[in-house]
Protein backbone atom coordinates (compact mmCIF):
# COMPACT_ATOMS: atom_id res chain seq x y z
CA ALA A 1 7.97 34.49 -136.66
CA ALA A 2 4.77 33.40 -138.36
CA ALA A 3 4.16 29.95 -139.74
CA TRP A 4 3.42 29.52 -143.43
CA PRO A 5 -0.15 30.72 -143.98
CA GLN A 6 -2.68 28.45 -145.62
CA GLY A 7 -2.63 28.57 -149.40
CA SER A 8 0.86 30.09 -149.66
CA SER A 9 2.67 27.21 -151.34
CA SER A 10 2.88 28.97 -154.70
CA ARG A 11 6.31 30.14 -155.78
CA CYS A 12 4.79 33.55 -156.32
CA GLN A 13 4.10 34.00 -152.62
CA PRO A 14 6.78 36.00 -150.79
CA ARG A 15 8.36 34.06 -147.97
CA TRP A 16 7.05 34.03 -144.42
CA GLY A 17 8.68 32.84 -141.28
CA LEU A 18 11.38 33.81 -138.87
CA ALA A 19 15.02 34.93 -138.96
CA ALA A 20 15.26 33.42 -142.15
CA PRO A 21 11.90 31.95 -142.72
CA LYS A 22 11.05 35.51 -143.65
CA ARG A 23 8.00 37.58 -142.73
CA VAL A 24 5.99 39.73 -145.09
CA LYS A 25 3.62 42.61 -144.51
CA MET A 26 0.82 41.92 -146.94
CA LYS A 27 0.01 45.60 -147.34
CA THR A 28 3.50 46.04 -148.72
CA PHE A 29 3.94 42.95 -150.86
CA ALA A 30 0.47 41.92 -152.02
CA PRO A 31 1.03 43.83 -155.32
CA HIS A 32 4.17 41.76 -155.86
CA VAL A 33 2.14 38.58 -155.62
CA VAL A 34 -0.11 39.87 -158.39
CA LEU A 35 2.91 40.87 -160.46
CA CYS A 36 4.34 37.37 -160.18
CA LEU A 37 1.13 35.89 -161.48
CA LEU A 38 1.02 38.30 -164.41
CA VAL A 39 4.60 37.90 -165.61
CA GLY A 40 4.90 34.14 -165.26
CA VAL A 41 5.05 33.77 -169.06
CA VAL A 42 6.64 30.93 -170.99
CA HIS A 43 9.72 31.66 -173.10
CA GLY A 44 11.71 28.58 -174.12
CA GLY A 45 12.36 27.83 -177.80
CA GLU A 46 15.47 28.97 -179.70
CA VAL A 47 17.59 31.75 -178.20
CA ASP A 48 20.56 33.55 -179.77
CA VAL A 49 23.21 35.00 -177.49
CA SER A 50 25.85 37.36 -178.86
CA VAL A 51 29.02 38.08 -176.86
CA ASP A 52 31.29 40.91 -178.00
CA LEU A 53 34.73 39.89 -176.74
CA SER A 54 36.22 43.21 -177.87
CA SER A 55 33.98 45.19 -175.50
CA ASN A 56 34.92 46.26 -171.99
CA GLU A 57 32.06 46.70 -169.55
CA GLY A 58 34.37 47.07 -166.54
CA LEU A 59 35.58 44.56 -163.99
CA PHE A 60 33.20 42.05 -162.47
CA ASP A 61 34.23 40.87 -159.01
CA ALA A 62 32.18 37.78 -158.24
CA GLY A 63 33.33 37.92 -154.62
CA ASN A 64 31.02 40.88 -154.09
CA HIS A 65 28.04 38.56 -154.61
CA THR A 66 28.54 35.65 -152.27
CA VAL A 67 26.91 34.04 -149.23
CA GLY A 68 26.27 34.92 -145.58
CA GLN A 69 25.31 32.95 -142.49
CA GLY A 70 22.20 33.44 -140.38
CA GLY A 71 22.38 34.28 -136.68
CA LEU A 72 21.40 30.86 -135.39
CA SER A 73 24.22 29.97 -132.99
CA PRO A 74 27.52 31.23 -131.56
CA LYS A 75 29.06 27.93 -132.64
CA LEU A 76 31.25 27.67 -135.73
CA MET A 77 28.29 26.59 -137.80
CA TRP A 78 30.19 25.91 -141.03
CA GLN A 79 33.58 24.83 -139.76
CA GLY A 80 33.51 21.75 -141.99
CA GLN A 81 32.86 23.90 -145.06
CA VAL A 82 35.67 26.47 -144.71
CA ASP A 83 37.73 25.05 -147.57
CA ALA A 84 34.70 24.85 -149.85
CA VAL A 85 33.74 28.45 -149.06
CA THR A 86 37.33 29.62 -149.58
CA ALA A 87 37.14 28.19 -153.10
CA LEU A 88 34.27 30.63 -153.78
CA ARG A 89 36.72 33.52 -153.22
CA PRO A 90 34.18 35.52 -151.17
CA GLY A 91 34.69 39.26 -150.76
CA VAL A 92 32.38 40.25 -147.88
CA MET A 93 30.52 37.84 -145.57
CA ARG A 94 27.90 38.80 -143.02
CA LEU A 95 27.90 37.65 -139.40
CA PHE A 96 25.09 38.31 -136.92
CA VAL A 97 26.57 39.62 -133.67
CA GLN A 98 23.67 38.39 -131.58
CA THR A 99 23.16 38.71 -127.83
CA PHE A 100 24.57 35.22 -127.40
CA TYR A 101 28.03 36.66 -128.13
CA LEU A 102 27.75 38.65 -124.86
CA PHE A 103 27.97 37.55 -121.25
CA ASP A 104 25.16 38.43 -118.85
CA ASP A 105 27.17 41.39 -117.54
CA GLY A 106 27.12 42.98 -121.02
CA THR A 107 30.75 42.29 -121.95
CA PHE A 108 31.73 40.46 -125.12
CA ASP A 109 32.58 36.78 -125.15
CA TRP A 110 35.70 37.38 -127.22
CA GLN A 111 36.64 33.73 -127.45
CA SER A 112 33.37 32.96 -129.21
CA LEU A 113 33.11 36.12 -131.32
CA ASP A 114 36.77 36.12 -132.38
CA ALA A 115 36.44 32.50 -133.51
CA SER A 116 33.46 33.36 -135.74
CA VAL A 117 35.23 36.42 -137.14
CA ASP A 118 38.41 34.43 -137.78
CA GLN A 119 36.39 31.77 -139.57
CA ILE A 120 35.26 34.37 -142.10
CA ARG A 121 38.73 35.85 -142.45
CA ALA A 122 40.17 32.38 -143.07
CA THR A 123 38.25 32.32 -146.36
CA GLY A 124 39.84 35.60 -147.47
CA ALA A 125 36.61 37.54 -146.93
CA THR A 126 36.08 40.75 -144.97
CA PRO A 127 33.47 40.36 -142.18
CA LEU A 128 30.31 42.44 -142.22
CA LEU A 129 29.24 42.49 -138.57
CA ASN A 130 25.53 43.00 -138.08
CA LEU A 131 25.10 44.56 -134.64
CA CYS A 132 21.78 43.20 -133.40
CA PHE A 133 22.54 42.48 -129.74
CA LYS A 134 20.87 43.81 -126.59
CA PRO A 135 23.11 43.69 -123.51
CA GLN A 136 20.97 42.56 -120.61
CA ASN A 137 22.38 45.20 -118.27
CA MET A 138 21.26 47.95 -120.70
CA PHE A 139 18.00 46.32 -121.81
CA PRO A 140 16.79 44.49 -118.68
CA ILE A 141 13.25 44.02 -120.04
CA ILE A 142 12.61 41.90 -123.15
CA ASN A 143 10.68 44.31 -125.36
CA GLN A 144 11.37 44.64 -129.07
CA SER A 145 9.95 48.19 -129.11
CA ASN A 146 12.65 49.39 -126.72
CA CYS A 147 15.36 50.71 -129.04
CA ALA A 148 17.34 52.78 -126.55
CA PRO A 149 19.67 51.45 -123.83
CA ASN A 150 19.16 52.68 -120.30
CA ASP A 151 22.65 54.21 -120.42
CA TRP A 152 23.90 55.71 -123.69
CA ASP A 153 27.38 56.28 -122.29
CA ALA A 154 27.66 52.57 -121.48
CA TRP A 155 26.44 51.70 -124.98
CA ASP A 156 28.95 54.03 -126.62
CA GLN A 157 31.71 52.54 -124.52
CA LEU A 158 30.74 48.97 -125.45
CA ILE A 159 30.62 49.82 -129.15
CA GLY A 160 33.99 51.53 -128.84
CA VAL A 161 35.44 48.38 -127.30
CA LEU A 162 34.16 46.38 -130.28
CA GLY A 163 35.68 48.85 -132.75
CA SER A 164 38.99 48.84 -130.92
CA ARG A 165 39.09 45.04 -130.94
CA TYR A 166 39.18 44.99 -134.74
CA ASN A 167 40.88 48.35 -135.26
CA GLY A 168 42.53 48.74 -138.66
CA SER A 169 40.78 45.75 -140.22
CA GLY A 170 38.36 47.68 -142.43
CA PHE A 171 35.36 45.66 -141.26
CA PHE A 172 31.82 46.55 -142.25
CA TYR A 173 29.43 47.29 -139.36
CA GLU A 174 25.68 47.23 -139.87
CA VAL A 175 23.48 48.90 -137.24
CA LEU A 176 20.61 46.57 -136.24
CA ASN A 177 18.83 43.92 -138.26
CA GLU A 178 15.35 44.45 -139.70
CA PRO A 179 14.34 47.11 -137.18
CA ASP A 180 11.18 47.67 -139.23
CA ASN A 181 9.96 44.11 -138.75
CA LEU A 182 6.72 43.77 -136.80
CA LEU A 183 7.19 40.09 -136.07
CA GLY A 184 10.55 40.05 -134.32
CA GLY A 185 12.66 38.88 -137.22
CA GLY A 186 14.88 36.79 -135.00
CA THR A 187 16.42 39.96 -133.56
CA PRO A 188 15.09 42.10 -130.76
CA TYR A 189 14.60 45.61 -132.21
CA LEU A 190 11.52 47.32 -133.66
CA CYS A 191 12.27 51.02 -134.12
CA GLY A 192 10.64 54.20 -135.30
CA VAL A 193 12.53 56.71 -137.42
CA GLU A 194 13.83 58.89 -134.56
CA GLU A 195 14.72 55.87 -132.45
CA TYR A 196 16.68 54.27 -135.27
CA THR A 197 18.57 57.38 -136.37
CA THR A 198 19.54 58.04 -132.73
CA MET A 199 20.82 54.47 -132.42
CA TYR A 200 22.70 54.79 -135.70
CA GLU A 201 24.30 58.09 -134.70
CA HIS A 202 25.57 56.76 -131.37
CA THR A 203 26.82 53.51 -132.85
CA ALA A 204 28.49 55.01 -135.92
CA LYS A 205 30.28 57.72 -133.95
CA ALA A 206 31.53 55.26 -131.33
CA LEU A 207 32.80 52.86 -133.99
CA LEU A 208 34.56 55.52 -136.05
CA ALA A 209 36.15 57.07 -132.97
CA ALA A 210 37.66 53.66 -132.20
CA ASP A 211 38.51 52.65 -135.77
CA SER A 212 38.74 55.11 -138.64
CA THR A 213 38.88 52.22 -141.14
CA ALA A 214 35.45 50.92 -140.08
CA ARG A 215 32.72 51.06 -142.72
CA VAL A 216 29.35 51.76 -141.16
CA GLY A 217 25.86 51.44 -142.56
CA GLY A 218 22.29 50.20 -142.23
CA PRO A 219 19.38 49.97 -141.74
CA ALA A 220 19.11 46.33 -142.99
CA VAL A 221 15.36 46.73 -143.36
CA ALA A 222 13.08 43.78 -144.07
CA PHE A 223 10.96 45.89 -146.42
CA VAL A 224 12.52 48.16 -149.03
CA ASP A 225 9.68 50.70 -148.72
CA SER A 226 10.30 51.12 -144.98
CA ASP A 227 10.40 54.72 -143.74
CA LEU A 228 13.72 53.95 -142.05
CA LEU A 229 15.66 53.76 -145.30
CA PRO A 230 15.02 57.29 -146.68
CA ALA A 231 15.10 58.65 -143.12
CA LEU A 232 18.60 57.30 -142.52
CA LEU A 233 19.82 58.70 -145.85
CA SER A 234 18.39 62.13 -145.10
CA PHE A 235 19.62 62.14 -141.50
CA CYS A 236 23.19 61.27 -142.40
CA ALA A 237 23.35 63.66 -145.36
CA THR A 238 21.90 66.54 -143.34
CA ASN A 239 24.13 65.95 -140.30
CA ASN A 240 27.29 65.06 -142.24
CA LEU A 241 27.36 61.67 -140.54
CA ARG A 242 29.26 58.83 -142.20
CA LEU A 243 27.08 56.37 -144.07
CA ASP A 244 29.20 53.98 -146.08
CA PHE A 245 26.37 51.73 -147.24
CA VAL A 246 22.60 51.33 -147.17
CA SER A 247 21.16 47.84 -146.85
CA TRP A 248 17.90 45.97 -147.20
CA HIS A 249 16.55 42.42 -147.57
CA PHE A 250 14.12 40.67 -149.85
CA TYR A 251 12.90 37.08 -150.25
CA THR A 252 10.61 35.77 -152.96
CA ASP A 253 9.71 32.33 -154.25
CA CYS A 254 9.30 33.37 -157.85
CA CYS A 255 10.49 36.76 -158.99
CA PRO A 256 14.25 37.46 -158.85
CA TRP A 257 13.86 40.40 -161.22
CA GLU A 258 12.31 42.22 -158.26
CA TYR A 259 15.87 42.65 -156.94
CA GLY A 260 16.61 44.87 -159.92
CA ASN A 261 13.39 46.83 -159.46
CA GLN A 262 14.18 47.40 -155.79
CA SER A 263 17.79 48.47 -156.33
CA ARG A 264 16.68 51.05 -158.90
CA MET A 265 14.20 52.38 -156.32
CA VAL A 266 16.90 52.63 -153.64
CA ARG A 267 19.30 54.30 -156.09
CA GLU A 268 16.71 57.04 -156.59
CA LEU A 269 16.56 57.56 -152.82
CA VAL A 270 20.34 57.74 -152.60
CA ASP A 271 20.54 60.22 -155.49
CA ALA A 272 17.93 62.41 -153.81
CA ALA A 273 19.90 62.54 -150.55
CA TYR A 274 23.41 62.64 -152.04
CA THR A 275 23.29 64.55 -155.30
CA PRO A 276 26.12 63.40 -157.59
CA PRO A 277 29.05 64.00 -157.60
CA ALA A 278 28.74 63.78 -153.80
CA ARG A 279 30.15 60.59 -152.31
CA GLN A 280 27.32 58.09 -152.15
CA PRO A 281 26.81 55.07 -149.91
CA LEU A 282 27.09 51.64 -151.48
CA LEU A 283 23.97 49.57 -152.09
CA VAL A 284 24.03 46.33 -150.08
CA VAL A 285 21.50 43.47 -150.07
CA ASP A 286 22.82 41.15 -147.39
CA GLU A 287 19.88 38.79 -147.06
CA TRP A 288 18.20 37.52 -150.19
CA GLY A 289 17.06 34.29 -151.77
CA PRO A 290 14.10 32.02 -152.42
CA GLY A 291 12.01 30.28 -149.83
CA CYS A 292 11.27 26.57 -150.01
CA GLY A 293 8.28 27.00 -152.30
CA GLY A 294 10.37 26.34 -155.42
CA ALA A 295 12.60 23.68 -153.88
CA ALA A 296 10.53 20.83 -155.35
CA THR A 297 11.17 22.11 -158.89
CA LEU A 298 14.40 20.60 -160.18
CA GLY A 299 17.09 23.22 -160.65
CA PHE A 300 14.94 26.14 -159.49
CA GLN A 301 17.02 27.29 -156.51
CA PRO A 302 20.44 27.18 -158.23
CA CYS A 303 19.06 29.04 -161.23
CA PHE A 304 17.33 31.53 -158.93
CA LEU A 305 20.70 32.32 -157.35
CA LEU A 306 22.24 33.18 -160.72
CA GLU A 307 19.25 35.21 -161.88
CA GLY A 308 19.11 37.11 -158.59
CA ALA A 309 22.84 37.86 -158.55
CA PHE A 310 22.62 38.97 -162.18
CA GLN A 311 19.80 41.39 -161.36
CA LEU A 312 21.62 42.75 -158.30
CA HIS A 313 24.92 43.28 -160.09
CA SER A 314 23.44 44.76 -163.26
CA THR A 315 21.47 47.37 -161.29
CA GLY A 316 24.37 48.64 -159.20
CA VAL A 317 24.25 46.63 -155.97
CA ALA A 318 27.84 46.59 -154.73
CA ILE A 319 27.60 43.75 -152.19
CA SER A 320 25.10 40.96 -151.74
CA ASN A 321 24.95 37.92 -149.47
CA PHE A 322 22.70 35.02 -150.44
CA TYR A 323 20.88 33.52 -147.46
CA GLN A 324 22.44 31.28 -146.31
CA LEU A 325 25.58 29.18 -146.11
CA ARG A 326 24.43 26.30 -143.88
CA ASP A 327 21.14 25.42 -142.23
CA PHE A 328 21.56 24.85 -138.50
CA HIS A 329 19.43 23.73 -135.58
CA VAL A 330 19.00 26.26 -132.78
CA ASP A 331 19.36 26.09 -129.02
CA PRO A 332 16.08 27.66 -127.83
CA ALA A 333 17.60 28.68 -124.48
CA LEU A 334 19.89 31.12 -126.30
CA PHE A 335 16.99 32.89 -127.97
CA LYS A 336 14.94 33.11 -124.78
CA ARG A 337 17.61 35.50 -123.49
CA PHE A 338 16.50 38.25 -125.86
CA LEU A 339 13.24 37.27 -127.61
CA PRO A 340 9.72 37.16 -126.16
CA THR A 341 8.72 33.60 -125.30
CA ALA A 342 6.32 33.28 -128.23
CA PHE A 343 9.03 34.33 -130.72
CA ALA A 344 11.57 32.02 -129.12
CA ILE A 345 9.13 29.12 -129.48
CA ASP A 346 8.53 30.01 -133.15
CA THR A 347 12.29 30.06 -133.67
CA GLU A 348 12.57 26.57 -132.22
CA ILE A 349 9.69 25.25 -134.32
CA SER A 350 11.00 26.86 -137.50
CA TRP A 351 14.55 25.56 -137.24
CA ASN A 352 14.21 22.33 -135.27
CA TYR A 353 10.87 20.89 -136.40
CA SER A 354 10.16 22.25 -139.89
CA PRO A 355 11.45 21.56 -143.42
CA ILE A 356 14.25 24.02 -144.16
CA CYS A 357 16.04 24.37 -147.49
CA TYR A 358 17.81 27.73 -147.52
CA GLY A 359 21.44 26.72 -147.04
CA LEU A 360 24.08 25.86 -149.61
CA PHE A 361 24.70 23.04 -147.13
CA ASP A 362 22.04 21.17 -145.19
CA PHE A 363 21.84 20.58 -141.43
CA GLN A 364 24.27 17.67 -141.67
CA GLY A 365 26.71 19.64 -143.79
CA HIS A 366 25.85 17.91 -147.07
CA VAL A 367 26.29 20.08 -150.13
CA ARG A 368 23.25 21.19 -152.11
CA PRO A 369 23.32 22.00 -155.84
CA THR A 370 22.91 25.74 -155.15
CA PHE A 371 26.50 25.74 -153.88
CA PHE A 372 27.72 24.80 -157.33
CA ALA A 373 25.72 27.59 -158.97
CA LEU A 374 27.57 30.03 -156.73
CA LYS A 375 30.84 28.26 -157.52
CA LEU A 376 30.24 28.76 -161.24
CA LEU A 377 29.49 32.43 -160.61
CA SER A 378 32.76 32.72 -158.66
CA ARG A 379 34.62 31.71 -161.84
CA MET A 380 33.32 34.79 -163.64
CA SER A 381 35.56 37.47 -162.10
CA GLY A 382 37.30 39.43 -164.82
CA THR A 383 36.70 41.99 -167.55
CA GLN A 384 33.03 41.87 -168.38
CA HIS A 385 31.80 41.90 -171.98
CA SER A 386 28.55 43.10 -173.48
CA VAL A 387 25.99 40.39 -174.10
CA SER A 388 22.79 40.56 -176.10
CA VAL A 389 20.03 37.96 -176.03
CA THR A 390 17.42 37.50 -178.78
CA PRO A 391 14.52 37.50 -178.19
CA SER A 392 14.97 40.32 -175.67
CA ARG A 393 12.66 40.88 -172.71
CA GLY A 394 13.28 44.58 -172.23
CA GLU A 395 14.59 46.43 -169.20
CA SER A 396 13.10 44.18 -166.53
CA ALA A 397 14.35 41.04 -168.30
CA GLU A 398 11.87 38.84 -166.52
CA GLY A 399 12.84 35.19 -166.81
CA GLY A 400 14.12 33.30 -169.80
CA VAL A 401 17.74 32.92 -170.92
CA HIS A 402 20.44 35.21 -169.58
CA ALA A 403 24.22 35.14 -169.93
CA MET A 404 27.41 36.70 -168.61
CA ALA A 405 30.83 36.71 -170.29
CA THR A 406 34.22 37.75 -168.92
CA THR A 407 37.90 37.47 -169.76
CA HIS A 408 40.64 36.49 -167.32
CA ALA A 409 43.71 38.20 -168.80
CA HIS A 410 46.25 36.32 -166.68
CA LEU A 411 44.75 33.00 -167.76
CA ALA A 412 44.27 33.99 -171.41
CA MET A 413 40.75 32.57 -171.02
CA HIS A 414 37.19 33.67 -171.64
CA SER A 415 34.40 32.48 -169.33
CA LEU A 416 30.75 32.17 -170.29
CA LEU A 417 27.82 31.47 -167.94
CA VAL A 418 24.35 30.87 -169.40
CA TRP A 419 21.17 29.97 -167.53
CA ASN A 420 17.51 29.47 -168.36
CA PHE A 421 15.24 30.81 -165.61
CA ASP A 422 12.16 29.37 -167.21
CA ALA A 423 9.87 26.37 -166.83
CA GLN A 424 10.42 25.48 -170.52
CA PRO A 425 13.65 24.22 -172.15
CA ALA A 426 15.58 26.33 -174.63
CA THR A 427 18.05 25.73 -177.45
CA VAL A 428 20.87 28.26 -177.21
CA ALA A 429 23.40 29.43 -179.81
CA VAL A 430 26.21 31.64 -178.45
CA SER A 431 28.16 33.73 -180.98
CA LEU A 432 31.61 34.79 -179.78
CA VAL A 433 32.16 38.02 -181.70
CA SER A 434 35.81 39.11 -182.08
CA LEU A 435 37.23 35.78 -180.95
CA ALA A 436 40.96 36.08 -181.70
CA GLY A 437 41.57 32.67 -183.25
CA ARG A 438 40.90 28.97 -183.20
CA SER A 439 39.87 28.01 -179.69
CA LEU A 440 38.56 25.15 -177.61
CA ALA A 441 35.50 25.47 -175.37
CA ARG A 442 35.19 23.19 -172.37
CA CYS A 443 31.77 23.27 -170.74
CA VAL A 444 30.00 21.83 -167.72
CA LYS A 445 26.30 21.58 -166.99
CA LEU A 446 24.89 21.74 -163.49
CA ASP A 447 23.02 18.56 -162.58
CA SER A 448 20.74 19.34 -159.64
CA ALA A 449 19.87 15.68 -159.02
CA PRO A 450 23.00 13.61 -159.64
CA ALA A 451 23.01 9.86 -159.09
CA GLY A 452 25.71 7.82 -157.46
CA VAL A 453 28.65 9.32 -155.58
CA LEU A 454 27.98 12.99 -154.79
CA GLU A 455 31.26 14.68 -155.65
CA GLU A 456 31.91 17.83 -157.67
CA ASN A 457 31.95 16.18 -161.10
CA SER A 458 28.57 14.62 -160.32
CA PHE A 459 27.06 18.09 -160.06
CA LEU A 460 29.22 19.86 -162.65
CA VAL A 461 28.99 17.38 -165.50
CA PRO A 462 31.63 17.78 -168.24
CA GLN A 463 30.22 18.19 -171.75
CA PRO A 464 31.93 17.30 -175.06
CA ALA A 465 34.53 19.91 -175.97
CA GLN A 466 33.65 22.21 -178.86
CA ASP A 467 36.01 23.73 -181.42
CA VAL A 468 35.21 27.37 -182.13
CA SER A 469 36.92 29.49 -184.76
CA PRO A 470 36.19 32.88 -186.31
CA PRO A 471 34.37 34.12 -188.25
CA ASP A 472 31.56 31.74 -187.24
CA ALA A 473 32.60 31.14 -183.62
CA THR A 474 29.40 29.68 -182.23
CA LEU A 475 28.69 27.41 -179.27
CA ARG A 476 25.48 25.42 -179.23
CA PHE A 477 23.78 23.58 -176.42
CA ALA A 478 20.37 22.71 -175.04
CA LEU A 479 19.24 24.06 -171.68
CA GLU A 480 16.51 22.28 -169.78
CA ALA A 481 14.10 24.20 -167.56
CA TYR A 482 16.21 26.09 -164.99
CA GLY A 483 19.32 24.71 -166.67
CA ILE A 484 22.82 26.17 -166.21
CA VAL A 485 25.95 25.78 -168.34
CA TYR A 486 29.44 27.22 -167.84
CA CYS A 487 32.18 27.25 -170.49
CA ASN A 488 35.77 28.40 -170.58
CA VAL A 489 37.26 29.21 -173.97
CA ARG A 490 41.02 29.15 -174.54
CA PRO A 491 43.25 29.31 -177.63
CA ARG A 492 43.83 25.89 -179.10
CA THR A 493 47.48 24.90 -178.87
CA ALA A 494 47.42 22.03 -181.36
């Protein structure tokens, strides 16, 4: 809920703000600012990428790393983008079930909520419902520190009604949103450990009693080092309470490799609570992305999306939702129902009077280049192959050139995605080891500032086709700063 502080325009400053302008506790993230300054090295130059097409690194499902929508309105905020989102083949999409989906008497406005749920399902995705509402009859006083309803039986009944409504659908349910956030976070809960685990226990049990196919998790913390995360893991493991996933959020304007560092940290917490081979909860990062600090740098945000998704996937995060699908102006009256007046005013200022650049689509529904980065990633589902990059940057792989390679067996096609998360250009040579025979590579480059008519081929610019044949099956191209190229490689028929 804070405005951008003075002097925080650097990309290496974590993002501040409200329910997506994100807030940061400096005691937690000040070391990360220093880290960003230290590792902002220049790579560039010549880079060799080797892809072993005979290797099998398992299946990569790009739909697990897609996009979510912020809790800004009960309206169908991205109705005009349903077809475009469907083309991304999303797997799981997050929806904020805010207080504005409830009537004043504490019952659900099913017409509104069902429409938002159906919008997600129309894309082929499974909804992840973040439960961050406060029924006014159970929370008559607006106070973010009040984490318990005045009637637990009424709460359990309401949650059971929600579970019954979508019984058998296998939805994900996330208990609260950023309940560790001191500044409101756009949602009305600020909980201690005991308060949160009590809320989780009531909510999870009521959901599972109504729908055994429900997948329940949390705590959707704003800060990965929050006490709530290990407390929830320990509480559920000790009490044999279902915990299907653990979730957290992180925003940064510079350092997408931090997603990998954080997921390794959370994996250690999970291993400590659920010693393998015990069934472990999935790792979920359902709000992540850059702020607007890097938006002025051409190509930065699209390349950030690929680098962040790469870090999340390669360190074991099962589901991630980039924030967000479409930017949207808010109705301040809706937020005054459940936020203190000062927070409601900050919400209005943030979304109605300030520059905002988070969405794949802008306020008017115009597509931004970041959408096409996610579209290229969506083409990568298939059998993943091992990739090596020289020069290497070690385990943290901070910046520089990265690549992914997969094979789509039913299409008899290999896909290659290469990006340069660096402020310097790079010349890239990609060796396709074990390529079966003479093939043709068709590539596109992402143009983040196309001229003329803004249609798909303006952003995804076709490049000259390249013949590749063993034993020296090599693709060559130049990547500008934050450049992205995608290629598909198929056997040549003539």
